[in-house]
Protein backbone atom coordinates (compact mmCIF):
# COMPACT_ATOMS: atom_id res chain seq x y z
CA UNK A 1 77.26 91.68 21.40
CA UNK A 2 76.35 91.36 24.66
CA UNK A 3 79.81 92.79 25.80
CA UNK A 4 79.23 95.86 23.27
CA UNK A 5 75.75 96.18 24.88
CA UNK A 6 76.44 95.90 28.43
CA UNK A 7 79.53 98.70 27.96
CA UNK A 8 76.63 100.97 25.79
CA UNK A 9 74.18 100.41 29.02
CA UNK A 10 77.14 101.18 31.37
CA UNK A 11 78.52 104.36 29.61
CA UNK A 12 74.73 105.80 29.14
CA UNK A 13 74.37 104.80 33.00
CA UNK A 14 77.63 107.19 33.88
CA UNK A 15 76.71 109.59 31.96
CA UNK A 16 72.62 109.91 33.03
CA UNK A 17 73.64 110.08 36.43
CA UNK A 18 76.82 112.76 36.18
CA UNK A 19 73.86 114.94 34.40
CA UNK A 20 71.75 114.29 37.39
CA UNK A 21 74.51 115.43 39.82
CA UNK A 22 75.54 118.51 38.00
CA UNK A 23 71.49 119.50 37.73
CA UNK A 24 71.36 118.97 41.50
CA UNK A 25 73.99 121.21 42.24
CA UNK A 26 73.00 123.73 40.00
CA UNK A 27 69.73 124.04 42.02
CA UNK A 28 71.40 123.74 45.14
CA UNK A 29 73.45 127.23 44.17
CA UNK A 30 69.97 129.12 43.30
CA UNK A 31 69.01 130.47 46.37
CA UNK A 32 71.53 130.78 49.21
CA UNK A 33 70.42 130.03 53.02
CA UNK A 34 70.67 133.35 54.33
CA UNK A 35 69.83 136.71 52.49
CA UNK A 36 70.05 140.20 53.79
CA UNK A 37 68.25 143.00 52.82
CA UNK A 38 69.71 146.37 53.33
CA UNK A 39 67.34 149.39 52.93
CA UNK A 40 68.79 152.84 52.19
CA UNK A 41 66.85 156.77 52.20
CA UNK A 42 64.88 157.79 49.10
CA UNK A 43 65.43 161.35 50.84
CA UNK A 44 67.81 163.60 49.58
CA UNK A 45 66.53 167.42 50.85
CA UNK A 46 67.58 168.46 54.29
CA UNK A 47 64.10 169.69 56.00
CA UNK A 48 63.15 172.98 54.81
CA UNK A 49 66.84 173.78 53.44
CA UNK A 50 68.24 173.74 50.23
CA UNK A 51 71.06 171.22 52.09
CA UNK A 52 71.24 168.13 50.26
CA UNK A 53 71.49 164.91 52.11
CA UNK A 54 71.03 160.62 51.35
CA UNK A 55 72.49 158.02 53.11
CA UNK A 56 75.91 157.64 54.24
CA UNK A 57 78.20 155.84 52.34
CA UNK A 58 80.64 154.32 54.60
CA UNK A 59 77.21 152.93 56.47
CA UNK A 60 76.32 151.10 53.30
CA UNK A 61 79.99 149.63 52.05
CA UNK A 62 80.95 148.52 55.56
CA UNK A 63 78.14 146.43 56.13
CA UNK A 64 77.92 145.14 52.81
CA UNK A 65 81.30 143.94 52.89
CA UNK A 66 81.16 142.20 56.07
CA UNK A 67 77.59 140.46 55.10
CA UNK A 68 79.25 139.21 51.39
CA UNK A 69 82.30 138.03 52.84
CA UNK A 70 79.91 135.89 55.66
CA UNK A 71 78.43 134.41 52.16
CA UNK A 72 75.35 135.87 52.15
CA UNK A 73 73.26 137.22 49.69
CA UNK A 74 72.35 140.96 49.66
CA UNK A 75 69.66 143.30 48.43
CA UNK A 76 69.54 147.27 48.34
CA UNK A 77 66.18 148.26 48.37
CA UNK A 78 64.64 151.77 49.17
CA UNK A 79 61.26 153.48 50.10
CA UNK A 80 60.67 154.89 46.58
CA UNK A 81 62.95 152.44 44.58
CA UNK A 82 65.64 153.52 41.94
CA UNK A 83 68.31 155.40 42.70
CA UNK A 84 69.00 156.54 46.34
CA UNK A 85 70.60 159.80 46.78
CA UNK A 86 74.31 159.59 48.20
CA UNK A 87 75.20 161.86 50.96
CA UNK A 88 77.83 163.86 48.93
CA UNK A 89 80.05 164.54 52.54
CA UNK A 90 80.50 160.72 53.17
CA UNK A 91 82.21 160.35 49.61
CA UNK A 92 85.92 159.32 51.02
CA UNK A 93 87.58 157.52 48.42
CA UNK A 94 90.56 156.97 51.44
CA UNK A 95 88.10 153.95 52.70
CA UNK A 96 88.90 150.83 50.91
CA UNK A 97 85.35 149.92 51.21
CA UNK A 98 83.97 152.90 49.86
CA UNK A 99 86.65 152.77 46.79
CA UNK A 100 86.22 149.14 46.40
CA UNK A 101 82.06 149.71 46.17
CA UNK A 102 82.29 152.43 43.68
CA UNK A 103 84.94 151.64 41.76
CA UNK A 104 82.41 147.89 41.29
CA UNK A 105 80.11 148.43 38.40
CA UNK A 106 77.95 145.63 39.31
CA UNK A 107 77.77 146.76 43.10
CA UNK A 108 76.64 150.48 42.02
CA UNK A 109 73.95 149.06 39.64
CA UNK A 110 72.71 147.75 43.44
CA UNK A 111 72.38 151.48 44.47
CA UNK A 112 71.48 152.95 41.70
CA UNK A 113 68.62 150.41 41.08
CA UNK A 114 67.26 149.66 44.43
CA UNK A 115 63.86 147.26 44.89
CA UNK A 116 61.08 149.73 45.89
CA UNK A 117 60.37 148.76 49.46
CA UNK A 118 56.73 147.70 48.20
CA UNK A 119 57.88 144.82 46.18
CA UNK A 120 59.68 143.61 48.97
CA UNK A 121 58.67 139.86 50.20
CA UNK A 122 60.10 139.51 53.81
CA UNK A 123 59.79 135.79 54.32
CA UNK A 124 62.86 136.15 51.81
CA UNK A 125 65.23 137.45 54.35
CA UNK A 126 66.87 136.49 57.40
CA UNK A 127 67.92 139.88 58.23
CA UNK A 128 67.24 143.66 57.65
CA UNK A 129 69.79 146.49 57.85
CA UNK A 130 69.13 149.68 57.56
CA UNK A 131 71.83 152.12 56.40
CA UNK A 132 71.94 155.69 58.01
CA UNK A 133 72.48 159.65 56.43
CA UNK A 134 70.41 162.16 57.37
CA UNK A 135 67.91 161.80 54.80
CA UNK A 136 66.37 158.61 56.81
CA UNK A 137 64.76 160.83 59.36
CA UNK A 138 62.14 161.86 57.00
CA UNK A 139 61.34 158.83 54.85
CA UNK A 140 62.08 155.76 57.46
CA UNK A 141 59.34 156.69 60.78
CA UNK A 142 55.83 156.71 60.10
CA UNK A 143 56.62 154.18 56.81
CA UNK A 144 53.51 151.73 57.20
CA UNK A 145 55.62 149.33 54.47
CA UNK A 146 59.24 149.78 56.45
CA UNK A 147 57.17 148.73 59.76
CA UNK A 148 55.20 145.94 58.14
CA UNK A 149 58.45 144.09 56.67
CA UNK A 150 60.49 144.61 59.95
CA UNK A 151 57.91 143.35 62.08
CA UNK A 152 57.61 140.29 59.88
CA UNK A 153 61.41 139.96 59.59
CA UNK A 154 61.99 140.12 63.36
CA UNK A 155 58.91 137.77 64.37
CA UNK A 156 60.13 134.99 62.37
CA UNK A 157 63.21 134.75 63.51
CA UNK A 158 65.10 137.15 62.19
CA UNK A 159 67.44 139.84 63.20
CA UNK A 160 66.90 143.78 62.75
CA UNK A 161 69.67 146.03 62.29
CA UNK A 162 70.31 149.44 62.01
CA UNK A 163 73.04 152.22 62.33
CA UNK A 164 73.33 156.04 63.29
CA UNK A 165 70.31 157.49 61.87
CA UNK A 166 68.96 154.07 60.62
CA UNK A 167 67.07 153.45 63.91
CA UNK A 168 65.18 156.13 63.02
CA UNK A 169 63.07 153.03 60.60
CA UNK A 170 62.91 151.43 63.84
CA UNK A 171 60.70 154.34 66.14
CA UNK A 172 57.22 153.29 64.87
CA UNK A 173 57.64 149.56 64.60
CA UNK A 174 54.90 147.24 66.26
CA UNK A 175 54.65 143.93 67.02
CA UNK A 176 51.56 141.60 66.41
CA UNK A 177 51.07 142.05 70.24
CA UNK A 178 50.51 145.95 70.02
CA UNK A 179 53.90 146.71 71.41
CA UNK A 180 57.08 148.73 69.90
CA UNK A 181 59.62 146.47 68.77
CA UNK A 182 62.14 148.22 70.54
CA UNK A 183 60.23 148.61 73.99
CA UNK A 184 62.24 146.75 76.80
CA UNK A 185 65.20 146.62 74.38
CA UNK A 186 68.71 148.30 74.52
CA UNK A 187 69.32 150.30 71.33
CA UNK A 188 71.93 153.31 70.18
CA UNK A 189 71.79 155.51 67.43
CA UNK A 190 73.55 159.14 66.45
CA UNK A 191 73.35 160.74 69.97
CA UNK A 192 71.20 164.28 70.85
CA UNK A 193 74.78 165.56 71.02
CA UNK A 194 76.35 164.03 67.72
CA UNK A 195 73.56 166.10 66.70
CA UNK A 196 74.00 169.09 68.72
CA UNK A 197 77.96 168.51 67.50
CA UNK A 198 77.14 169.65 63.63
CA UNK A 199 74.28 171.84 64.40
CA UNK A 200 71.61 169.88 62.72
CA UNK A 201 69.22 169.51 65.99
CA UNK A 202 67.01 172.05 64.76
CA UNK A 203 66.84 170.53 61.47
CA UNK A 204 65.85 167.49 62.61
CA UNK A 205 62.06 166.38 62.51
CA UNK A 206 62.74 165.14 65.86
CA UNK A 207 65.78 164.37 68.08
CA UNK A 208 66.56 160.68 67.26
CA UNK A 209 67.90 159.28 70.67
CA UNK A 210 65.01 160.74 72.85
CA UNK A 211 62.44 159.03 70.66
CA UNK A 212 64.20 156.06 71.16
CA UNK A 213 63.60 156.39 74.59
CA UNK A 214 60.21 157.87 74.40
CA UNK A 215 59.11 154.16 72.64
CA UNK A 216 60.60 152.21 75.95
CA UNK A 217 64.09 151.90 74.44
CA UNK A 218 66.85 151.66 76.96
CA UNK A 219 69.31 154.29 75.08
CA UNK A 220 73.07 153.23 75.45
CA UNK A 221 75.38 156.06 74.36
CA UNK A 222 79.10 156.60 73.74
CA UNK A 223 81.26 159.42 73.55
CA UNK A 224 80.82 161.22 70.25
CA UNK A 225 82.43 159.55 67.32
CA UNK A 226 83.37 156.37 69.27
CA UNK A 227 82.57 152.92 67.80
CA UNK A 228 79.37 151.43 69.70
CA UNK A 229 77.31 148.45 69.05
CA UNK A 230 74.30 147.15 71.21
CA UNK A 231 73.06 143.74 70.36
CA UNK A 232 69.59 143.14 72.03
CA UNK A 233 68.20 139.85 71.78
CA UNK A 234 67.95 140.00 67.79
CA UNK A 235 68.12 143.89 67.65
CA UNK A 236 71.79 145.42 66.74
CA UNK A 237 72.09 148.84 66.48
CA UNK A 238 75.15 151.40 65.81
CA UNK A 239 75.91 155.12 67.26
CA UNK A 240 77.58 156.35 64.03
CA UNK A 241 79.81 155.82 61.08
CA UNK A 242 82.25 154.60 62.84
CA UNK A 243 80.31 151.84 64.23
CA UNK A 244 78.99 150.56 60.50
CA UNK A 245 81.71 147.52 60.13
CA UNK A 246 80.65 146.32 63.70
CA UNK A 247 77.36 146.36 63.31
CA UNK A 248 77.94 144.28 60.04
CA UNK A 249 80.01 141.60 62.15
CA UNK A 250 77.15 141.63 64.96
CA UNK A 251 74.86 140.94 62.71
CA UNK A 252 76.79 138.08 60.82
CA UNK A 253 77.37 136.72 64.43
CA UNK A 254 73.86 136.32 65.16
CA UNK A 255 72.95 134.87 61.65
CA UNK A 256 75.99 132.08 61.43
CA UNK A 257 74.72 131.15 64.87
CA UNK A 258 71.05 130.78 64.32
CA UNK A 259 72.28 128.94 61.04
CA UNK A 260 74.44 126.45 62.93
CA UNK A 261 71.56 125.95 65.78
CA UNK A 262 69.45 124.82 62.93
């Protein structure tokens, strides 16, 4: 009887230990260490014209896959929430990341059911990334929720990033010292020359390059349509669609370095 009892107790102990290990392992998987918030526009009309606009597809997909391949968790939000409008001119299926994203129902659900920004808790994120597209020029600037979330993420040591027209989100962000986030920083965006080349200067509510300089930033533009990324402390900006993948890489590098230094 003693041998049988000992064996029973041993088996019970092994089973209990195993179940506890599994439970502990699962609890660790619930909340990834690094989480990034991608923000896209809710605006689909180009100023007072009938021309449609929205987010630029590759400026979402290229950074998205850089973040996901690094193992980061990703949410997608927009000022209004729900389905974000895509700039149809960016619907390029020859782009492998675009095709991969558009053909994945789970990923498309993220862009068609974006989180309203007023439901976002900035404490949940290590970085915020603003995708471009001309729509951002209307609903990113002067947006109190965007300003508050961005300042909060930056001031707790997070990364702020944007590409092309996405830096429109940064023009009115002020920190707790009442200074503009980009004051004294180096940044880039879709340039005045590029805006002129696509014949939309007069349609835009303001010239983005000029507004960033007005806010105290040092603007670092490159030749039109070239890949150009500027990293200034924990602010990462890219000039145009050709820069989107490189912006994603730069964000991954900053977050990985920060995480490894803990």
